[in-house]
Every structure is written in structure tokens, then in C-alpha cells.
C-alpha atoms as a PDB file:
ATOM      1  CA  MET A   1     -53.651  31.300 -10.414  1.00  0.00           C
ATOM      2  CA  SER A   2     -51.765  28.811  -9.468  1.00  0.00           C
ATOM      3  CA  GLU A   3     -51.082  28.963  -5.272  1.00  0.00           C
ATOM      4  CA  PHE A   4     -47.793  29.237  -5.640  1.00  0.00           C
ATOM      5  CA  HIS A   5     -47.918  31.473  -8.583  1.00  0.00           C
ATOM      6  CA  GLY A   6     -50.459  33.948  -5.619  1.00  0.00           C
ATOM      7  CA  ARG A   7     -47.901  33.547  -3.024  1.00  0.00           C
ATOM      8  CA  LEU A   8     -44.756  34.639  -5.314  1.00  0.00           C
ATOM      9  CA  ALA A   9     -46.757  37.535  -6.516  1.00  0.00           C
ATOM     10  CA  SER A  10     -47.492  38.971  -3.252  1.00  0.00           C
ATOM     11  CA  MET A  11     -43.877  38.718  -1.606  1.00  0.00           C
ATOM     12  CA  LEU A  12     -42.934  39.973  -4.858  1.00  0.00           C
ATOM     13  CA  SER A  13     -45.025  43.234  -4.260  1.00  0.00           C
ATOM     14  CA  LYS A  14     -44.317  43.847  -0.929  1.00  0.00           C
ATOM     15  CA  GLU A  15     -40.469  43.474  -1.368  1.00  0.00           C
ATOM     16  CA  ALA A  16     -40.712  45.874  -4.558  1.00  0.00           C
ATOM     17  CA  SER A  17     -43.028  48.483  -2.215  1.00  0.00           C
ATOM     18  CA  ASP A  18     -40.063  47.724   0.590  1.00  0.00           C
ATOM     19  CA  ALA A  19     -37.196  48.739  -1.735  1.00  0.00           C
ATOM     20  CA  GLY A  20     -38.791  51.504  -3.916  1.00  0.00           C
ATOM     21  CA  LYS A  21     -39.152  53.354  -0.374  1.00  0.00           C
ATOM     22  CA  ALA A  22     -34.835  52.650   1.331  1.00  0.00           C
ATOM     23  CA  THR A  23     -32.314  54.291   0.699  1.00  0.00           C
ATOM     24  CA  ASP A  24     -30.561  50.452  -0.738  1.00  0.00           C
ATOM     25  CA  ARG A  25     -33.045  50.681  -3.260  1.00  0.00           C
ATOM     26  CA  PRO A  26     -30.713  49.367  -6.292  1.00  0.00           C
ATOM     27  CA  GLU A  27     -29.263  47.018  -4.166  1.00  0.00           C
ATOM     28  CA  ARG A  28     -32.270  45.953  -3.015  1.00  0.00           C
ATOM     29  CA  MET A  29     -33.829  45.239  -6.642  1.00  0.00           C
ATOM     30  CA  GLY A  30     -31.157  43.516  -7.087  1.00  0.00           C
ATOM     31  CA  ASP A  31     -30.911  41.261  -4.889  1.00  0.00           C
ATOM     32  CA  MET A  32     -34.198  39.968  -5.712  1.00  0.00           C
ATOM     33  CA  ILE A  33     -33.792  39.742  -9.719  1.00  0.00           C
ATOM     34  CA  GLU A  34     -30.172  37.924  -8.054  1.00  0.00           C
ATOM     35  CA  ALA A  35     -32.283  35.390  -6.531  1.00  0.00           C
ATOM     36  CA  LEU A  36     -35.180  35.395  -8.577  1.00  0.00           C
ATOM     37  CA  ALA A  37     -32.727  34.089 -11.133  1.00  0.00           C
ATOM     38  CA  ARG A  38     -30.797  31.318  -9.412  1.00  0.00           C
ATOM     39  CA  GLY A  39     -34.197  30.075  -8.642  1.00  0.00           C
ATOM     40  CA  LEU A  40     -35.544  29.952 -12.324  1.00  0.00           C
ATOM     41  CA  GLY A  41     -32.135  28.228 -12.986  1.00  0.00           C
ATOM     42  CA  PHE A  42     -32.963  25.928 -10.231  1.00  0.00           C
ATOM     43  CA  THR A  43     -36.484  25.462 -10.908  1.00  0.00           C
ATOM     44  CA  VAL A  44     -35.681  24.847 -14.696  1.00  0.00           C
ATOM     45  CA  ALA A  45     -32.787  22.113 -14.101  1.00  0.00           C
ATOM     46  CA  ILE A  46     -35.533  19.970 -11.970  1.00  0.00           C
ATOM     47  CA  ALA A  47     -37.910  20.623 -14.864  1.00  0.00           C
ATOM     48  CA  ALA A  48     -35.889  19.895 -17.485  1.00  0.00           C
ATOM     49  CA  ASN A  49     -34.051  16.758 -15.936  1.00  0.00           C
ATOM     50  CA  GLY A  50     -30.527  17.527 -16.352  1.00  0.00           C
ATOM     51  CA  ASP A  51     -30.707  17.329 -20.217  1.00  0.00           C
ATOM     52  CA  PRO A  52     -28.757  20.320 -21.738  1.00  0.00           C
ATOM     53  CA  GLU A  53     -31.140  21.287 -24.769  1.00  0.00           C
ATOM     54  CA  ALA A  54     -34.394  21.229 -22.679  1.00  0.00           C
ATOM     55  CA  ILE A  55     -32.748  23.919 -20.628  1.00  0.00           C
ATOM     56  CA  GLU A  56     -31.590  25.940 -22.945  1.00  0.00           C
ATOM     57  CA  THR A  57     -34.816  26.024 -24.357  1.00  0.00           C
ATOM     58  CA  MET A  58     -36.791  26.463 -21.375  1.00  0.00           C
ATOM     59  CA  ILE A  59     -34.534  29.262 -20.245  1.00  0.00           C
ATOM     60  CA  ALA A  60     -34.861  30.566 -23.910  1.00  0.00           C
ATOM     61  CA  ALA A  61     -38.834  31.338 -23.753  1.00  0.00           C
ATOM     62  CA  ALA A  62     -38.525  32.319 -20.060  1.00  0.00           C
ATOM     63  CA  GLU A  63     -35.959  35.182 -21.288  1.00  0.00           C
ATOM     64  CA  LYS A  64     -38.316  36.575 -23.643  1.00  0.00           C
ATOM     65  CA  TYR A  65     -41.451  35.767 -21.482  1.00  0.00           C
ATOM     66  CA  ALA A  66     -39.604  38.007 -18.850  1.00  0.00           C
ATOM     67  CA  LEU A  67     -39.048  40.899 -21.941  1.00  0.00           C
ATOM     68  CA  GLU A  68     -42.665  41.125 -23.384  1.00  0.00           C
ATOM     69  CA  GLU A  69     -43.125  41.200 -19.433  1.00  0.00           C
ATOM     70  CA  ALA A  70     -40.753  43.851 -19.084  1.00  0.00           C
ATOM     71  CA  ALA A  71     -41.887  46.157 -21.991  1.00  0.00           C
ATOM     72  CA  SER A  72     -45.641  46.153 -21.005  1.00  0.00           C
ATOM     73  CA  LYS A  73     -44.752  47.046 -17.548  1.00  0.00           C
ATOM     74  CA  ALA A  74     -42.496  49.705 -18.923  1.00  0.00           C
ATOM     75  CA  ASP A  75     -45.147  52.865 -18.625  1.00  0.00           C
ATOM     76  CA  PHE A  76     -45.719  52.453 -15.088  1.00  0.00           C
ATOM     77  CA  ALA A  77     -42.416  51.949 -14.579  1.00  0.00           C
ATOM     78  CA  ARG A  78     -41.512  55.058 -15.489  1.00  0.00           C
ATOM     79  CA  PHE A  79     -44.153  56.274 -13.600  1.00  0.00           C
ATOM     80  CA  MET A  80     -43.207  55.227  -9.884  1.00  0.00           C
ATOM     81  CA  ALA A  81     -39.509  56.496 -11.336  1.00  0.00           C
ATOM     82  CA  LEU A  82     -40.833  60.614 -11.659  1.00  0.00           C
ATOM     83  CA  ALA A  83     -43.141  59.379  -8.155  1.00  0.00           C
ATOM     84  CA  ARG A  84     -39.933  58.556  -6.292  1.00  0.00           C
ATOM     85  CA  ARG A  85     -38.371  61.639  -7.796  1.00  0.00           C
ATOM     86  CA  PRO A  86     -38.021  64.488  -4.438  1.00  0.00           C
ATOM     87  CA  VAL A  87     -39.458  68.186  -5.276  1.00  0.00           C
ATOM     88  CA  GLY A  88     -36.260  70.031  -7.623  1.00  0.00           C
ATOM     89  CA  GLY A  89     -36.397  66.788 -10.419  1.00  0.00           C
ATOM     90  CA  GLN A  90     -33.877  64.633  -8.560  1.00  0.00           C
ATOM     91  CA  SER A  91     -33.714  61.251  -8.485  1.00  0.00           C
ATOM     92  CA  ARG A  92     -32.685  59.139  -5.253  1.00  0.00           C
ATOM     93  CA  ASP A  93     -31.430  56.376  -7.282  1.00  0.00           C
END
């Protein structure tokens, strides 16, 4: 794992934890996703030297990887959603 990866993972973990406890959780999670997508787009454009075909290839690969990661964490996400529910079963979301 690179130093960048470790710093980014640490920052995201803290923000996700904070957002999970916040009353505006959906908005905060949306902000995280938007910022990550913007950063990904910028990074891909630079890595591809602005070449549209290379950008499309890299974004498609990143999307596939993101889908695989999300699917692999779905069980944990469902568990966390249940844990956020107050007694009585009503979700805070």
C-alpha cells in the first residue's frame, strides 16, 4: 500500500465514521462521493494526457473496480445500517 493510499483511506474512514453519526448523513455521504468522483476525473484526465479514448478506458476500469468493491462490502454495509437503527426499528436515514 502506498503512502498516498494509506493517507486517503485514513481520511475517508474518519469522514465516513463522522458522517455515519451525523443527522445529515445522506448529504455528507453524497458530498464524499461527489468529491471522490471529481478527484478521480481530474486524476484520470491527467494520467491519460487528455486523450478521450484513454480517459474512457480508465474510467470504465475504475467503474468496474468500484462496483466490485461496493459489492464485496454490501454485507458489512447492511450490518452497519441495522446497527444505526434505534430501538423500534426506524432508520435514522
